[in-house]
Amino acid sequence: MPQIIQGYRVTVKPNDTTSESTYVSDVIAAGAGATTIHYPTLYRSIAISVAIKNQDAANTCSFSINGQPAITLSAGSDQNINGQNVVSVQVTPGAAGTTDILAQVTPMYLSTEQARFNRARG
């Protein structure tokens, strides 16, 4: 069943075996201030898995997924969000190191998983 996330109609389930996916990487510069990665705009896709890696060895960074309350990562740590539909990630990096965002993305389909499954099977 499709769901609406931040105004986007998402027809992909995170573990849908009928959808294609690929890897994308974004590096947020140290001290850049709040930076938003918006997957529909940048990649015409939805992220189904995201890894956030704080490369700053001295400072924390914070991130927010789909506009939810921010979570703080300690210096040098990482966080994985798997099996979710992610439209956007907002990151505020530390002053001394980058924050790396690695994501598995899948296209924004106009059809549902069931429709793709029925087409594939004939």
N, C-alpha and C. Protein backbone atom coordinates (compact mmCIF):
# COMPACT_ATOMS: atom_id res chain seq x y z
N MET A 1 0.84 -1.18 0.00
CA MET A 1 0.00 0.00 0.00
C MET A 1 0.89 1.24 0.00
N PRO A 2 0.65 2.16 -0.92
CA PRO A 2 1.46 3.38 -0.96
C PRO A 2 1.33 4.19 0.32
N GLN A 3 2.37 4.94 0.62
CA GLN A 3 2.35 5.83 1.77
C GLN A 3 2.88 7.18 1.35
N ILE A 4 2.49 8.22 2.08
CA ILE A 4 2.95 9.58 1.81
C ILE A 4 4.01 9.92 2.84
N ILE A 5 5.22 10.27 2.37
CA ILE A 5 6.32 10.68 3.26
C ILE A 5 6.79 12.04 2.78
N GLN A 6 6.66 13.03 3.62
CA GLN A 6 7.04 14.41 3.30
C GLN A 6 6.46 14.86 1.96
N GLY A 7 5.21 14.50 1.70
CA GLY A 7 4.52 14.93 0.49
C GLY A 7 4.77 14.06 -0.73
N TYR A 8 5.59 13.02 -0.62
CA TYR A 8 5.87 12.13 -1.75
C TYR A 8 5.11 10.82 -1.60
N ARG A 9 4.50 10.38 -2.70
CA ARG A 9 3.80 9.09 -2.71
C ARG A 9 4.85 8.00 -2.93
N VAL A 10 5.07 7.19 -1.91
CA VAL A 10 6.09 6.15 -1.96
C VAL A 10 5.40 4.80 -2.15
N THR A 11 5.70 4.15 -3.29
CA THR A 11 5.06 2.87 -3.61
C THR A 11 6.01 1.70 -3.42
N VAL A 12 7.21 1.95 -2.93
CA VAL A 12 8.22 0.91 -2.76
C VAL A 12 8.28 0.48 -1.30
N LYS A 13 8.27 -0.82 -1.09
CA LYS A 13 8.54 -1.33 0.26
C LYS A 13 10.06 -1.51 0.37
N PRO A 14 10.64 -1.23 1.53
CA PRO A 14 12.10 -1.27 1.64
C PRO A 14 12.75 -2.59 1.23
N ASN A 15 12.07 -3.70 1.42
CA ASN A 15 12.66 -5.00 1.08
C ASN A 15 12.03 -5.61 -0.17
N ASP A 16 11.57 -4.77 -1.08
CA ASP A 16 10.93 -5.19 -2.32
C ASP A 16 11.98 -5.80 -3.26
N THR A 17 11.87 -7.09 -3.55
CA THR A 17 12.84 -7.76 -4.41
C THR A 17 12.63 -7.47 -5.89
N THR A 18 11.52 -6.80 -6.25
CA THR A 18 11.26 -6.48 -7.66
C THR A 18 11.82 -5.13 -8.07
N SER A 19 12.35 -4.36 -7.15
CA SER A 19 12.85 -3.03 -7.50
C SER A 19 14.37 -3.01 -7.61
N GLU A 20 14.85 -2.20 -8.53
CA GLU A 20 16.29 -2.01 -8.71
C GLU A 20 16.80 -1.08 -7.62
N SER A 21 18.09 -1.19 -7.29
CA SER A 21 18.67 -0.26 -6.33
C SER A 21 20.13 -0.03 -6.67
N THR A 22 20.67 1.06 -6.15
CA THR A 22 22.07 1.38 -6.34
C THR A 22 22.57 2.14 -5.12
N TYR A 23 23.85 2.45 -5.11
CA TYR A 23 24.51 3.09 -3.98
C TYR A 23 24.84 4.54 -4.33
N VAL A 24 24.60 5.45 -3.41
CA VAL A 24 25.01 6.84 -3.57
C VAL A 24 25.73 7.30 -2.31
N SER A 25 26.60 8.28 -2.46
CA SER A 25 27.38 8.78 -1.34
C SER A 25 27.37 10.30 -1.33
N ASP A 26 27.20 10.88 -0.17
CA ASP A 26 27.27 12.33 0.00
C ASP A 26 28.22 12.61 1.15
N VAL A 27 29.11 13.58 0.97
CA VAL A 27 30.05 13.97 2.01
C VAL A 27 29.74 15.41 2.41
N ILE A 28 29.40 15.59 3.68
CA ILE A 28 29.07 16.91 4.21
C ILE A 28 30.34 17.48 4.85
N ALA A 29 30.77 18.63 4.39
CA ALA A 29 32.02 19.24 4.86
C ALA A 29 31.95 19.63 6.33
N ALA A 30 33.10 19.59 6.98
CA ALA A 30 33.19 19.97 8.40
C ALA A 30 32.71 21.41 8.58
N GLY A 31 31.90 21.61 9.61
CA GLY A 31 31.41 22.95 9.94
C GLY A 31 30.44 23.54 8.94
N ALA A 32 29.86 22.73 8.07
CA ALA A 32 28.99 23.23 6.99
C ALA A 32 27.65 23.75 7.48
N GLY A 33 27.28 23.48 8.70
CA GLY A 33 25.94 23.85 9.16
C GLY A 33 24.94 22.81 8.69
N ALA A 34 23.68 23.01 9.02
CA ALA A 34 22.64 22.04 8.68
C ALA A 34 22.54 21.88 7.16
N THR A 35 22.69 20.65 6.69
CA THR A 35 22.65 20.33 5.26
C THR A 35 21.65 19.21 5.05
N THR A 36 20.76 19.38 4.08
CA THR A 36 19.73 18.38 3.82
C THR A 36 20.01 17.66 2.51
N ILE A 37 19.98 16.33 2.58
CA ILE A 37 20.06 15.49 1.38
C ILE A 37 18.63 15.05 1.10
N HIS A 38 18.11 15.50 -0.02
CA HIS A 38 16.72 15.22 -0.39
C HIS A 38 16.76 14.27 -1.59
N TYR A 39 16.54 12.99 -1.33
CA TYR A 39 16.74 11.96 -2.36
C TYR A 39 15.86 12.12 -3.60
N PRO A 40 14.57 12.48 -3.48
CA PRO A 40 13.79 12.68 -4.72
C PRO A 40 14.35 13.77 -5.62
N THR A 41 14.87 14.84 -5.04
CA THR A 41 15.41 15.95 -5.82
C THR A 41 16.78 15.61 -6.40
N LEU A 42 17.67 15.08 -5.57
CA LEU A 42 19.04 14.81 -6.02
C LEU A 42 19.17 13.57 -6.90
N TYR A 43 18.42 12.52 -6.58
CA TYR A 43 18.62 11.24 -7.26
C TYR A 43 17.35 10.65 -7.90
N ARG A 44 16.22 11.37 -7.79
CA ARG A 44 14.93 10.85 -8.28
C ARG A 44 14.67 9.46 -7.72
N SER A 45 14.88 9.34 -6.42
CA SER A 45 14.77 8.04 -5.78
C SER A 45 14.38 8.20 -4.31
N ILE A 46 14.17 7.07 -3.69
CA ILE A 46 13.93 6.97 -2.25
C ILE A 46 15.06 6.11 -1.68
N ALA A 47 15.62 6.52 -0.58
CA ALA A 47 16.65 5.68 0.07
C ALA A 47 15.95 4.60 0.89
N ILE A 48 16.43 3.38 0.79
CA ILE A 48 15.86 2.28 1.57
C ILE A 48 16.81 1.82 2.67
N SER A 49 18.01 2.37 2.65
CA SER A 49 19.01 2.08 3.68
C SER A 49 19.99 3.25 3.70
N VAL A 50 20.33 3.75 4.89
CA VAL A 50 21.22 4.89 5.02
C VAL A 50 22.23 4.62 6.13
N ALA A 51 23.50 4.89 5.85
CA ALA A 51 24.55 4.82 6.88
C ALA A 51 25.11 6.23 7.05
N ILE A 52 25.16 6.69 8.29
CA ILE A 52 25.69 8.01 8.61
C ILE A 52 26.96 7.81 9.41
N LYS A 53 28.06 8.35 8.91
CA LYS A 53 29.36 8.15 9.55
C LYS A 53 29.95 9.49 9.94
N ASN A 54 30.13 9.71 11.25
CA ASN A 54 30.73 10.94 11.75
C ASN A 54 32.25 10.77 11.73
N GLN A 55 32.92 11.44 10.79
CA GLN A 55 34.36 11.32 10.65
C GLN A 55 35.13 12.29 11.54
N ASP A 56 34.41 13.09 12.30
CA ASP A 56 35.02 14.05 13.21
C ASP A 56 35.44 13.32 14.49
N ALA A 57 36.74 13.30 14.77
CA ALA A 57 37.25 12.56 15.93
C ALA A 57 37.10 13.33 17.24
N ALA A 58 36.69 14.61 17.16
CA ALA A 58 36.62 15.42 18.37
C ALA A 58 35.21 15.93 18.70
N ASN A 59 34.33 16.03 17.70
CA ASN A 59 33.02 16.65 17.91
C ASN A 59 31.88 15.73 17.51
N THR A 60 30.72 15.99 18.11
CA THR A 60 29.52 15.25 17.74
C THR A 60 28.94 15.83 16.44
N CYS A 61 28.04 15.06 15.84
CA CYS A 61 27.23 15.58 14.74
C CYS A 61 25.79 15.17 15.04
N SER A 62 24.85 15.76 14.36
CA SER A 62 23.45 15.36 14.57
C SER A 62 22.80 15.13 13.21
N PHE A 63 21.75 14.31 13.22
CA PHE A 63 21.03 14.04 11.98
C PHE A 63 19.55 13.84 12.28
N SER A 64 18.75 14.07 11.26
CA SER A 64 17.31 13.89 11.34
C SER A 64 16.86 13.16 10.07
N ILE A 65 16.04 12.15 10.24
CA ILE A 65 15.52 11.37 9.11
C ILE A 65 14.06 11.75 8.89
N ASN A 66 13.71 12.13 7.66
CA ASN A 66 12.34 12.47 7.29
C ASN A 66 11.72 13.51 8.22
N GLY A 67 12.50 14.45 8.70
CA GLY A 67 11.98 15.52 9.54
C GLY A 67 11.69 15.15 10.98
N GLN A 68 12.12 13.97 11.40
CA GLN A 68 11.92 13.54 12.78
C GLN A 68 12.88 14.29 13.70
N PRO A 69 12.71 14.22 15.02
CA PRO A 69 13.64 14.90 15.93
C PRO A 69 15.09 14.43 15.69
N ALA A 70 16.00 15.36 15.88
CA ALA A 70 17.42 15.09 15.62
C ALA A 70 18.01 14.11 16.63
N ILE A 71 18.95 13.33 16.15
CA ILE A 71 19.69 12.36 16.97
C ILE A 71 21.16 12.77 16.90
N THR A 72 21.85 12.69 18.03
CA THR A 72 23.25 13.08 18.09
C THR A 72 24.15 11.85 18.01
N LEU A 73 25.17 11.94 17.17
CA LEU A 73 26.19 10.88 17.07
C LEU A 73 27.45 11.37 17.75
N SER A 74 28.03 10.54 18.57
CA SER A 74 29.28 10.93 19.23
C SER A 74 30.43 10.95 18.22
N ALA A 75 31.54 11.53 18.63
CA ALA A 75 32.71 11.66 17.75
C ALA A 75 33.15 10.30 17.23
N GLY A 76 33.38 10.21 15.92
CA GLY A 76 33.88 8.99 15.31
C GLY A 76 32.91 7.82 15.23
N SER A 77 31.64 8.04 15.49
CA SER A 77 30.69 6.93 15.48
C SER A 77 29.85 6.92 14.20
N ASP A 78 29.03 5.89 14.06
CA ASP A 78 28.16 5.80 12.89
C ASP A 78 26.82 5.22 13.28
N GLN A 79 25.85 5.39 12.39
CA GLN A 79 24.49 4.90 12.61
C GLN A 79 23.95 4.38 11.30
N ASN A 80 23.29 3.24 11.33
CA ASN A 80 22.66 2.66 10.14
C ASN A 80 21.16 2.67 10.31
N ILE A 81 20.46 3.05 9.26
CA ILE A 81 19.01 2.98 9.21
C ILE A 81 18.69 2.04 8.05
N ASN A 82 18.19 0.87 8.35
CA ASN A 82 17.96 -0.15 7.32
C ASN A 82 16.48 -0.51 7.24
N GLY A 83 16.05 -0.89 6.05
CA GLY A 83 14.68 -1.34 5.87
C GLY A 83 13.64 -0.25 6.10
N GLN A 84 13.96 0.97 5.72
CA GLN A 84 13.05 2.11 5.89
C GLN A 84 12.96 2.87 4.57
N ASN A 85 11.88 3.61 4.37
CA ASN A 85 11.79 4.53 3.24
C ASN A 85 12.23 5.90 3.73
N VAL A 86 13.33 6.39 3.19
CA VAL A 86 13.90 7.67 3.62
C VAL A 86 13.83 8.66 2.46
N VAL A 87 13.12 9.76 2.68
CA VAL A 87 13.02 10.82 1.69
C VAL A 87 14.14 11.83 1.88
N SER A 88 14.43 12.17 3.14
CA SER A 88 15.47 13.18 3.38
C SER A 88 16.25 12.89 4.66
N VAL A 89 17.50 13.35 4.65
CA VAL A 89 18.37 13.28 5.82
C VAL A 89 18.95 14.68 6.00
N GLN A 90 18.75 15.24 7.20
CA GLN A 90 19.38 16.52 7.50
C GLN A 90 20.51 16.27 8.48
N VAL A 91 21.71 16.78 8.15
CA VAL A 91 22.90 16.53 8.95
C VAL A 91 23.53 17.86 9.35
N THR A 92 23.95 17.94 10.61
CA THR A 92 24.75 19.07 11.09
C THR A 92 26.08 18.49 11.53
N PRO A 93 27.14 18.63 10.70
CA PRO A 93 28.43 18.02 11.03
C PRO A 93 29.17 18.78 12.12
N GLY A 94 30.18 18.12 12.68
CA GLY A 94 31.06 18.77 13.64
C GLY A 94 32.00 19.74 12.94
N ALA A 95 32.78 20.48 13.74
CA ALA A 95 33.65 21.52 13.19
C ALA A 95 34.95 20.99 12.62
N ALA A 96 35.35 19.77 12.99
CA ALA A 96 36.69 19.31 12.61
C ALA A 96 36.73 18.13 11.64
N GLY A 97 35.59 17.61 11.23
CA GLY A 97 35.60 16.46 10.33
C GLY A 97 34.31 16.35 9.54
N THR A 98 34.37 15.63 8.44
CA THR A 98 33.20 15.46 7.58
C THR A 98 32.20 14.49 8.19
N THR A 99 31.00 14.51 7.65
CA THR A 99 30.01 13.48 7.94
C THR A 99 29.67 12.84 6.60
N ASP A 100 29.85 11.53 6.51
CA ASP A 100 29.60 10.81 5.27
C ASP A 100 28.24 10.14 5.33
N ILE A 101 27.46 10.28 4.26
CA ILE A 101 26.15 9.65 4.15
C ILE A 101 26.22 8.67 3.00
N LEU A 102 26.03 7.41 3.28
CA LEU A 102 26.04 6.35 2.28
C LEU A 102 24.62 5.77 2.23
N ALA A 103 24.05 5.68 1.04
CA ALA A 103 22.66 5.23 0.95
C ALA A 103 22.45 4.24 -0.19
N GLN A 104 21.52 3.34 0.04
CA GLN A 104 21.03 2.46 -1.01
C GLN A 104 19.72 3.07 -1.47
N VAL A 105 19.63 3.42 -2.74
CA VAL A 105 18.44 4.09 -3.26
C VAL A 105 17.75 3.24 -4.31
N THR A 106 16.44 3.45 -4.42
CA THR A 106 15.63 2.77 -5.42
C THR A 106 14.77 3.81 -6.12
N PRO A 107 14.50 3.65 -7.41
CA PRO A 107 13.71 4.65 -8.14
C PRO A 107 12.33 4.85 -7.53
N MET A 108 11.76 6.02 -7.81
CA MET A 108 10.39 6.30 -7.39
C MET A 108 9.47 5.75 -8.48
N TYR A 109 8.87 4.60 -8.21
CA TYR A 109 8.00 3.94 -9.17
C TYR A 109 6.59 4.53 -9.12
N LEU A 110 5.92 4.48 -10.26
CA LEU A 110 4.52 4.90 -10.30
C LEU A 110 3.60 3.72 -10.03
N SER A 111 4.14 2.50 -10.05
CA SER A 111 3.34 1.31 -9.80
C SER A 111 3.66 0.76 -8.41
N THR A 112 2.83 -0.16 -7.96
CA THR A 112 3.04 -0.78 -6.66
C THR A 112 3.86 -2.06 -6.80
N GLU A 113 4.31 -2.59 -5.69
CA GLU A 113 5.06 -3.85 -5.70
C GLU A 113 4.23 -4.97 -6.32
N GLN A 114 2.95 -5.06 -5.98
CA GLN A 114 2.08 -6.10 -6.52
C GLN A 114 1.96 -5.99 -8.04
N ALA A 115 1.82 -4.78 -8.56
CA ALA A 115 1.71 -4.60 -10.01
C ALA A 115 3.01 -5.02 -10.70
N ARG A 116 4.16 -4.66 -10.13
CA ARG A 116 5.44 -5.08 -10.72
C ARG A 116 5.60 -6.59 -10.67
N PHE A 117 5.19 -7.21 -9.59
CA PHE A 117 5.27 -8.66 -9.43
C PHE A 117 4.39 -9.35 -10.47
N ASN A 118 3.17 -8.85 -10.66
CA ASN A 118 2.25 -9.45 -11.64
C ASN A 118 2.80 -9.32 -13.05
N ARG A 119 3.42 -8.17 -13.40
CA ARG A 119 4.01 -7.97 -14.73
C ARG A 119 5.18 -8.91 -14.95
N ALA A 120 6.01 -9.09 -13.94
CA ALA A 120 7.21 -9.93 -14.05
C ALA A 120 6.83 -11.39 -14.28
N ARG A 121 5.75 -11.81 -13.66
CA ARG A 121 5.31 -13.20 -13.77
C ARG A 121 4.48 -13.47 -15.01
N GLY A 122 3.91 -12.42 -15.62
CA GLY A 122 3.13 -12.59 -16.83
C GLY A 122 1.71 -12.97 -16.62
